[in-house]
PDB file of all heavy atoms in Angstrom:
ATOM      1  N   PHE A   1     114.264 108.193  84.408  1.00  0.00           N
ATOM      2  CA  PHE A   1     114.508 106.877  83.691  1.00  0.00           C
ATOM      3  C   PHE A   1     113.352 105.909  83.815  1.00  0.00           C
ATOM      4  O   PHE A   1     113.130 104.942  83.029  1.00  0.00           O
ATOM      5  CB  PHE A   1     115.743 106.217  84.232  1.00  0.00           C
ATOM      6  CG  PHE A   1     116.134 104.984  83.499  1.00  0.00           C
ATOM      7  CD1 PHE A   1     116.775 105.009  82.316  1.00  0.00           C
ATOM      8  CD2 PHE A   1     115.887 103.659  84.056  1.00  0.00           C
ATOM      9  CE1 PHE A   1     117.173 103.878  81.575  1.00  0.00           C
ATOM     10  CE2 PHE A   1     116.290 102.568  83.410  1.00  0.00           C
ATOM     11  CZ  PHE A   1     116.873 102.626  82.125  1.00  0.00           C
ATOM     12  N   SER A   2     112.456 106.173  84.813  1.00  0.00           N
ATOM     13  CA  SER A   2     111.387 105.189  85.135  1.00  0.00           C
ATOM     14  C   SER A   2     110.420 104.851  83.995  1.00  0.00           C
ATOM     15  O   SER A   2     109.924 103.687  83.919  1.00  0.00           O
ATOM     16  CB  SER A   2     110.575 105.638  86.348  1.00  0.00           C
ATOM     17  OG  SER A   2     109.988 106.906  86.071  1.00  0.00           O
ATOM     18  N   PRO A   3     110.108 105.726  83.046  1.00  0.00           N
ATOM     19  CA  PRO A   3     109.224 105.355  81.932  1.00  0.00           C
ATOM     20  C   PRO A   3     109.694 104.260  81.094  1.00  0.00           C
ATOM     21  O   PRO A   3     108.860 103.595  80.499  1.00  0.00           O
ATOM     22  CB  PRO A   3     109.086 106.647  81.175  1.00  0.00           C
ATOM     23  CG  PRO A   3     109.369 107.761  82.099  1.00  0.00           C
ATOM     24  CD  PRO A   3     110.409 107.209  83.004  1.00  0.00           C
ATOM     25  N   LEU A   4     111.043 103.943  81.054  1.00  0.00           N
ATOM     26  CA  LEU A   4     111.475 102.819  80.333  1.00  0.00           C
ATOM     27  C   LEU A   4     111.285 101.479  81.037  1.00  0.00           C
ATOM     28  O   LEU A   4     111.497 100.385  80.415  1.00  0.00           O
ATOM     29  CB  LEU A   4     112.958 102.988  79.955  1.00  0.00           C
ATOM     30  CG  LEU A   4     113.324 103.936  78.846  1.00  0.00           C
ATOM     31  CD1 LEU A   4     114.778 103.938  78.544  1.00  0.00           C
ATOM     32  CD2 LEU A   4     112.558 103.519  77.581  1.00  0.00           C
ATOM     33  N   LEU A   5     110.959 101.507  82.287  1.00  0.00           N
ATOM     34  CA  LEU A   5     110.725 100.255  83.022  1.00  0.00           C
ATOM     35  C   LEU A   5     109.267  99.803  82.951  1.00  0.00           C
ATOM     36  O   LEU A   5     108.370 100.638  82.683  1.00  0.00           O
ATOM     37  CB  LEU A   5     111.122 100.471  84.491  1.00  0.00           C
ATOM     38  CG  LEU A   5     112.613 100.881  84.662  1.00  0.00           C
ATOM     39  CD1 LEU A   5     112.919 101.077  86.090  1.00  0.00           C
ATOM     40  CD2 LEU A   5     113.635  99.789  84.013  1.00  0.00           C
ATOM     41  N   PRO A   6     108.950  98.555  83.195  1.00  0.00           N
ATOM     42  CA  PRO A   6     107.529  98.086  83.159  1.00  0.00           C
ATOM     43  C   PRO A   6     106.661  98.867  84.076  1.00  0.00           C
ATOM     44  O   PRO A   6     107.123  99.160  85.262  1.00  0.00           O
ATOM     45  CB  PRO A   6     107.675  96.633  83.462  1.00  0.00           C
ATOM     46  CG  PRO A   6     109.031  96.242  83.162  1.00  0.00           C
ATOM     47  CD  PRO A   6     109.945  97.420  83.455  1.00  0.00           C
ATOM     48  N   GLN A   7     105.510  99.189  83.680  1.00  0.00           N
ATOM     49  CA  GLN A   7     104.494  99.895  84.495  1.00  0.00           C
ATOM     50  C   GLN A   7     103.369  98.853  84.874  1.00  0.00           C
ATOM     51  O   GLN A   7     102.660  98.313  83.925  1.00  0.00           O
ATOM     52  CB  GLN A   7     103.911 101.078  83.799  1.00  0.00           C
ATOM     53  CG  GLN A   7     104.957 102.005  83.142  1.00  0.00           C
ATOM     54  CD  GLN A   7     105.794 102.718  84.221  1.00  0.00           C
ATOM     55  OE1 GLN A   7     105.296 103.326  85.163  1.00  0.00           O
ATOM     56  NE2 GLN A   7     107.184 102.592  84.060  1.00  0.00           N
ATOM     57  N   VAL A   8     103.256  98.474  86.060  1.00  0.00           N
ATOM     58  CA  VAL A   8     102.282  97.496  86.533  1.00  0.00           C
ATOM     59  C   VAL A   8     101.290  98.165  87.442  1.00  0.00           C
ATOM     60  O   VAL A   8     101.628  98.878  88.354  1.00  0.00           O
ATOM     61  CB  VAL A   8     102.978  96.339  87.285  1.00  0.00           C
ATOM     62  CG1 VAL A   8     101.946  95.317  87.723  1.00  0.00           C
ATOM     63  CG2 VAL A   8     104.008  95.710  86.397  1.00  0.00           C
ATOM     64  N   SER A   9      99.997  97.890  87.140  1.00  0.00           N
ATOM     65  CA  SER A   9      98.937  98.443  88.018  1.00  0.00           C
ATOM     66  C   SER A   9      97.837  97.363  88.191  1.00  0.00           C
ATOM     67  O   SER A   9      97.741  96.421  87.349  1.00  0.00           O
ATOM     68  CB  SER A   9      98.315  99.658  87.451  1.00  0.00           C
ATOM     69  OG  SER A   9      97.730  99.395  86.142  1.00  0.00           O
ATOM     70  N   ALA A  10      97.115  97.519  89.223  1.00  0.00           N
ATOM     71  CA  ALA A  10      96.039  96.518  89.545  1.00  0.00           C
ATOM     72  C   ALA A  10      94.746  97.253  89.966  1.00  0.00           C
ATOM     73  O   ALA A  10      94.857  98.306  90.653  1.00  0.00           O
ATOM     74  CB  ALA A  10      96.449  95.584  90.669  1.00  0.00           C
ATOM     75  N   THR A  11      93.576  96.731  89.448  1.00  0.00           N
ATOM     76  CA  THR A  11      92.332  97.390  89.876  1.00  0.00           C
ATOM     77  C   THR A  11      91.347  96.240  90.277  1.00  0.00           C
ATOM     78  O   THR A  11      91.397  95.145  89.785  1.00  0.00           O
ATOM     79  CB  THR A  11      91.695  98.111  88.652  1.00  0.00           C
ATOM     80  OG1 THR A  11      91.559  97.213  87.567  1.00  0.00           O
ATOM     81  CG2 THR A  11      92.618  99.257  88.201  1.00  0.00           C
ATOM     82  N   TRP A  12      90.547  96.623  91.226  1.00  0.00           N
ATOM     83  CA  TRP A  12      89.463  95.651  91.686  1.00  0.00           C
ATOM     84  C   TRP A  12      88.181  96.477  91.880  1.00  0.00           C
ATOM     85  O   TRP A  12      88.216  97.522  92.563  1.00  0.00           O
ATOM     86  CB  TRP A  12      89.925  94.991  93.016  1.00  0.00           C
ATOM     87  CG  TRP A  12      88.991  94.022  93.518  1.00  0.00           C
ATOM     88  CD1 TRP A  12      88.776  92.755  93.210  1.00  0.00           C
ATOM     89  CD2 TRP A  12      88.026  94.308  94.609  1.00  0.00           C
ATOM     90  NE1 TRP A  12      87.731  92.203  93.929  1.00  0.00           N
ATOM     91  CE2 TRP A  12      87.246  93.177  94.830  1.00  0.00           C
ATOM     92  CE3 TRP A  12      87.710  95.450  95.381  1.00  0.00           C
ATOM     93  CZ2 TRP A  12      86.265  93.049  95.728  1.00  0.00           C
ATOM     94  CZ3 TRP A  12      86.658  95.345  96.320  1.00  0.00           C
ATOM     95  CH2 TRP A  12      85.975  94.164  96.458  1.00  0.00           C
ATOM     96  N   ASN A  13      87.184  95.994  91.334  1.00  0.00           N
ATOM     97  CA  ASN A  13      85.836  96.702  91.452  1.00  0.00           C
ATOM     98  C   ASN A  13      84.827  95.621  91.899  1.00  0.00           C
ATOM     99  O   ASN A  13      84.788  94.515  91.395  1.00  0.00           O
ATOM    100  CB  ASN A  13      85.433  97.287  90.130  1.00  0.00           C
ATOM    101  CG  ASN A  13      86.288  98.433  89.662  1.00  0.00           C
ATOM    102  OD1 ASN A  13      86.626  99.319  90.451  1.00  0.00           O
ATOM    103  ND2 ASN A  13      86.825  98.412  88.492  1.00  0.00           N
ATOM    104  N   ALA A  14      83.946  96.089  92.768  1.00  0.00           N
ATOM    105  CA  ALA A  14      82.852  95.260  93.243  1.00  0.00           C
ATOM    106  C   ALA A  14      81.594  96.142  93.322  1.00  0.00           C
ATOM    107  O   ALA A  14      81.587  97.241  93.809  1.00  0.00           O
ATOM    108  CB  ALA A  14      83.102  94.637  94.574  1.00  0.00           C
ATOM    109  N   ALA A  15      80.480  95.600  92.853  1.00  0.00           N
ATOM    110  CA  ALA A  15      79.217  96.328  92.839  1.00  0.00           C
ATOM    111  C   ALA A  15      78.027  95.350  93.180  1.00  0.00           C
ATOM    112  O   ALA A  15      78.023  94.199  92.747  1.00  0.00           O
ATOM    113  CB  ALA A  15      78.941  96.931  91.494  1.00  0.00           C
ATOM    114  N   ARG A  16      77.083  95.760  93.949  1.00  0.00           N
ATOM    115  CA  ARG A  16      75.929  95.000  94.222  1.00  0.00           C
ATOM    116  C   ARG A  16      74.710  95.840  93.902  1.00  0.00           C
ATOM    117  O   ARG A  16      74.519  96.950  94.400  1.00  0.00           O
ATOM    118  CB  ARG A  16      75.868  94.704  95.757  1.00  0.00           C
ATOM    119  CG  ARG A  16      74.798  93.687  96.094  1.00  0.00           C
ATOM    120  CD  ARG A  16      74.819  93.411  97.614  1.00  0.00           C
ATOM    121  NE  ARG A  16      73.921  92.339  97.976  1.00  0.00           N
ATOM    122  CZ  ARG A  16      73.595  92.062  99.200  1.00  0.00           C
ATOM    123  NH1 ARG A  16      74.081  92.726 100.227  1.00  0.00           N
ATOM    124  NH2 ARG A  16      72.706  91.024  99.425  1.00  0.00           N
ATOM    125  N   THR A  17      73.922  95.319  92.902  1.00  0.00           N
ATOM    126  CA  THR A  17      72.831  96.096  92.378  1.00  0.00           C
ATOM    127  C   THR A  17      71.479  95.375  92.538  1.00  0.00           C
ATOM    128  O   THR A  17      71.408  94.108  92.696  1.00  0.00           O
ATOM    129  CB  THR A  17      73.060  96.380  90.850  1.00  0.00           C
ATOM    130  OG1 THR A  17      73.106  95.113  90.214  1.00  0.00           O
ATOM    131  CG2 THR A  17      74.336  97.107  90.687  1.00  0.00           C
ATOM    132  N   GLN A  18      70.429  96.191  92.678  1.00  0.00           N
ATOM    133  CA  GLN A  18      69.042  95.602  92.703  1.00  0.00           C
ATOM    134  C   GLN A  18      68.185  96.440  91.803  1.00  0.00           C
ATOM    135  O   GLN A  18      68.260  97.703  91.800  1.00  0.00           O
ATOM    136  CB  GLN A  18      68.556  95.710  94.168  1.00  0.00           C
ATOM    137  CG  GLN A  18      67.229  95.008  94.378  1.00  0.00           C
ATOM    138  CD  GLN A  18      66.759  95.112  95.813  1.00  0.00           C
ATOM    139  OE1 GLN A  18      66.764  96.256  96.355  1.00  0.00           O
ATOM    140  NE2 GLN A  18      66.417  94.027  96.434  1.00  0.00           N
ATOM    141  N   SER A  19      67.230  95.798  91.037  1.00  0.00           N
ATOM    142  CA  SER A  19      66.416  96.485  90.078  1.00  0.00           C
ATOM    143  C   SER A  19      64.938  96.180  90.353  1.00  0.00           C
ATOM    144  O   SER A  19      64.646  95.140  90.903  1.00  0.00           O
ATOM    145  CB  SER A  19      66.784  96.146  88.658  1.00  0.00           C
ATOM    146  OG  SER A  19      66.637  94.779  88.451  1.00  0.00           O
ATOM    147  N   ALA A  20      64.090  97.099  90.005  1.00  0.00           N
ATOM    148  CA  ALA A  20      62.630  96.836  90.136  1.00  0.00           C
ATOM    149  C   ALA A  20      61.942  97.059  88.848  1.00  0.00           C
ATOM    150  O   ALA A  20      62.351  98.013  88.041  1.00  0.00           O
ATOM    151  CB  ALA A  20      62.082  97.746  91.208  1.00  0.00           C
ATOM    152  N   SER A  21      60.852  96.355  88.542  1.00  0.00           N
ATOM    153  CA  SER A  21      60.072  96.591  87.257  1.00  0.00           C
ATOM    154  C   SER A  21      58.543  96.581  87.632  1.00  0.00           C
ATOM    155  O   SER A  21      58.096  95.930  88.556  1.00  0.00           O
ATOM    156  CB  SER A  21      60.372  95.443  86.248  1.00  0.00           C
ATOM    157  OG  SER A  21      59.964  94.220  86.820  1.00  0.00           O
ATOM    158  N   SER A  22      57.818  97.379  86.892  1.00  0.00           N
ATOM    159  CA  SER A  22      56.363  97.509  87.106  1.00  0.00           C
ATOM    160  C   SER A  22      55.613  96.956  85.853  1.00  0.00           C
ATOM    161  O   SER A  22      56.067  97.168  84.691  1.00  0.00           O
ATOM    162  CB  SER A  22      56.035  98.981  87.294  1.00  0.00           C
ATOM    163  OG  SER A  22      56.698  99.457  88.461  1.00  0.00           O
ATOM    164  N   GLN A  23      54.440  96.330  86.085  1.00  0.00           N
ATOM    165  CA  GLN A  23      53.597  95.766  85.052  1.00  0.00           C
ATOM    166  C   GLN A  23      52.191  95.906  85.384  1.00  0.00           C
ATOM    167  O   GLN A  23      51.799  95.625  86.509  1.00  0.00           O
ATOM    168  CB  GLN A  23      53.943  94.319  84.820  1.00  0.00           C
ATOM    169  CG  GLN A  23      53.234  93.651  83.628  1.00  0.00           C
ATOM    170  CD  GLN A  23      53.672  92.203  83.441  1.00  0.00           C
ATOM    171  OE1 GLN A  23      54.457  91.687  84.231  1.00  0.00           O
ATOM    172  NE2 GLN A  23      53.088  91.593  82.377  1.00  0.00           N
ATOM    173  N   GLU A  24      51.338  96.398  84.425  1.00  0.00           N
ATOM    174  CA  GLU A  24      49.865  96.530  84.621  1.00  0.00           C
ATOM    175  C   GLU A  24      49.208  95.223  84.320  1.00  0.00           C
ATOM    176  O   GLU A  24      49.419  94.603  83.275  1.00  0.00           O
ATOM    177  CB  GLU A  24      49.312  97.639  83.763  1.00  0.00           C
ATOM    178  CG  GLU A  24      49.850  99.003  84.125  1.00  0.00           C
ATOM    179  CD  GLU A  24      49.220 100.107  83.338  1.00  0.00           C
ATOM    180  OE1 GLU A  24      48.435  99.756  82.361  1.00  0.00           O
ATOM    181  OE2 GLU A  24      49.426 101.256  83.609  1.00  0.00           O
ATOM    182  N   ARG A  25      48.195  94.854  85.240  1.00  0.00           N
ATOM    183  CA  ARG A  25      47.473  93.605  85.037  1.00  0.00           C
ATOM    184  C   ARG A  25      45.958  93.984  85.371  1.00  0.00           C
ATOM    185  O   ARG A  25      45.702  94.796  86.154  1.00  0.00           O
ATOM    186  CB  ARG A  25      48.000  92.534  85.937  1.00  0.00           C
ATOM    187  CG  ARG A  25      49.411  92.062  85.650  1.00  0.00           C
ATOM    188  CD  ARG A  25      49.788  90.998  86.579  1.00  0.00           C
ATOM    189  NE  ARG A  25      51.177  90.524  86.275  1.00  0.00           N
ATOM    190  CZ  ARG A  25      51.818  89.601  87.018  1.00  0.00           C
ATOM    191  NH1 ARG A  25      51.167  88.977  88.034  1.00  0.00           N
ATOM    192  NH2 ARG A  25      53.025  89.231  86.623  1.00  0.00           N
ATOM    193  N   GLY A  26      45.032  93.179  84.767  1.00  0.00           N
ATOM    194  CA  GLY A  26      43.653  93.352  85.089  1.00  0.00           C
ATOM    195  C   GLY A  26      42.798  93.452  83.854  1.00  0.00           C
ATOM    196  O   GLY A  26      43.239  93.183  82.692  1.00  0.00           O
ATOM    197  N   ALA A  27      41.493  93.810  84.018  1.00  0.00           N
ATOM    198  CA  ALA A  27      40.575  93.914  82.932  1.00  0.00           C
ATOM    199  C   ALA A  27      40.852  95.045  82.004  1.00  0.00           C
ATOM    200  O   ALA A  27      41.690  95.918  82.303  1.00  0.00           O
ATOM    201  CB  ALA A  27      39.079  94.064  83.455  1.00  0.00           C
ATOM    202  N   ARG A  28      40.163  94.964  80.862  1.00  0.00           N
ATOM    203  CA  ARG A  28      40.440  95.994  79.905  1.00  0.00           C
ATOM    204  C   ARG A  28      39.904  97.311  80.368  1.00  0.00           C
ATOM    205  O   ARG A  28      40.301  98.348  79.872  1.00  0.00           O
ATOM    206  CB  ARG A  28      39.774  95.610  78.541  1.00  0.00           C
ATOM    207  CG  ARG A  28      40.441  94.419  77.916  1.00  0.00           C
ATOM    208  CD  ARG A  28      39.844  94.154  76.535  1.00  0.00           C
ATOM    209  NE  ARG A  28      40.519  93.012  75.922  1.00  0.00           N
ATOM    210  CZ  ARG A  28      40.151  92.540  74.691  1.00  0.00           C
ATOM    211  NH1 ARG A  28      39.194  93.115  74.022  1.00  0.00           N
ATOM    212  NH2 ARG A  28      40.826  91.513  74.218  1.00  0.00           N
ATOM    213  N   ASP A  29      38.945  97.266  81.221  1.00  0.00           N
ATOM    214  CA  ASP A  29      38.368  98.524  81.745  1.00  0.00           C
ATOM    215  C   ASP A  29      39.476  99.221  82.546  1.00  0.00           C
ATOM    216  O   ASP A  29      40.040  98.644  83.477  1.00  0.00           O
ATOM    217  CB  ASP A  29      37.174  98.197  82.685  1.00  0.00           C
ATOM    218  CG  ASP A  29      36.468  99.481  83.148  1.00  0.00           C
ATOM    219  OD1 ASP A  29      37.066 100.636  82.865  1.00  0.00           O
ATOM    220  OD2 ASP A  29      35.555  99.305  83.914  1.00  0.00           O
ATOM    221  N   PRO A  30      39.667 100.473  82.174  1.00  0.00           N
ATOM    222  CA  PRO A  30      40.800 101.095  82.785  1.00  0.00           C
ATOM    223  C   PRO A  30      40.585 101.155  84.305  1.00  0.00           C
ATOM    224  O   PRO A  30      41.589 101.122  85.079  1.00  0.00           O
ATOM    225  CB  PRO A  30      40.795 102.548  82.197  1.00  0.00           C
ATOM    226  CG  PRO A  30      40.170 102.325  80.888  1.00  0.00           C
ATOM    227  CD  PRO A  30      39.106 101.218  81.056  1.00  0.00           C
ATOM    228  N   ARG A  31      39.351 101.200  84.742  1.00  0.00           N
ATOM    229  CA  ARG A  31      39.166 101.334  86.138  1.00  0.00           C
ATOM    230  C   ARG A  31      39.432 100.013  86.954  1.00  0.00           C
ATOM    231  O   ARG A  31      39.615  99.993  88.100  1.00  0.00           O
ATOM    232  CB  ARG A  31      37.704 101.771  86.403  1.00  0.00           C
ATOM    233  CG  ARG A  31      37.401 103.189  85.959  1.00  0.00           C
ATOM    234  CD  ARG A  31      35.980 103.520  86.126  1.00  0.00           C
ATOM    235  NE  ARG A  31      35.131 102.631  85.228  1.00  0.00           N
ATOM    236  CZ  ARG A  31      33.783 102.748  85.186  1.00  0.00           C
ATOM    237  NH1 ARG A  31      33.206 103.622  85.937  1.00  0.00           N
ATOM    238  NH2 ARG A  31      33.159 102.012  84.325  1.00  0.00           N
TER     239      ARG A  31
END
């Protein structure tokens, strides 16, 4: 009989993220 009764659920998610990016700087000379 239980499917006819309300179905209640709870979820909790937590995430901690860190990102890194790279960029080229300097003269036009590749060296």
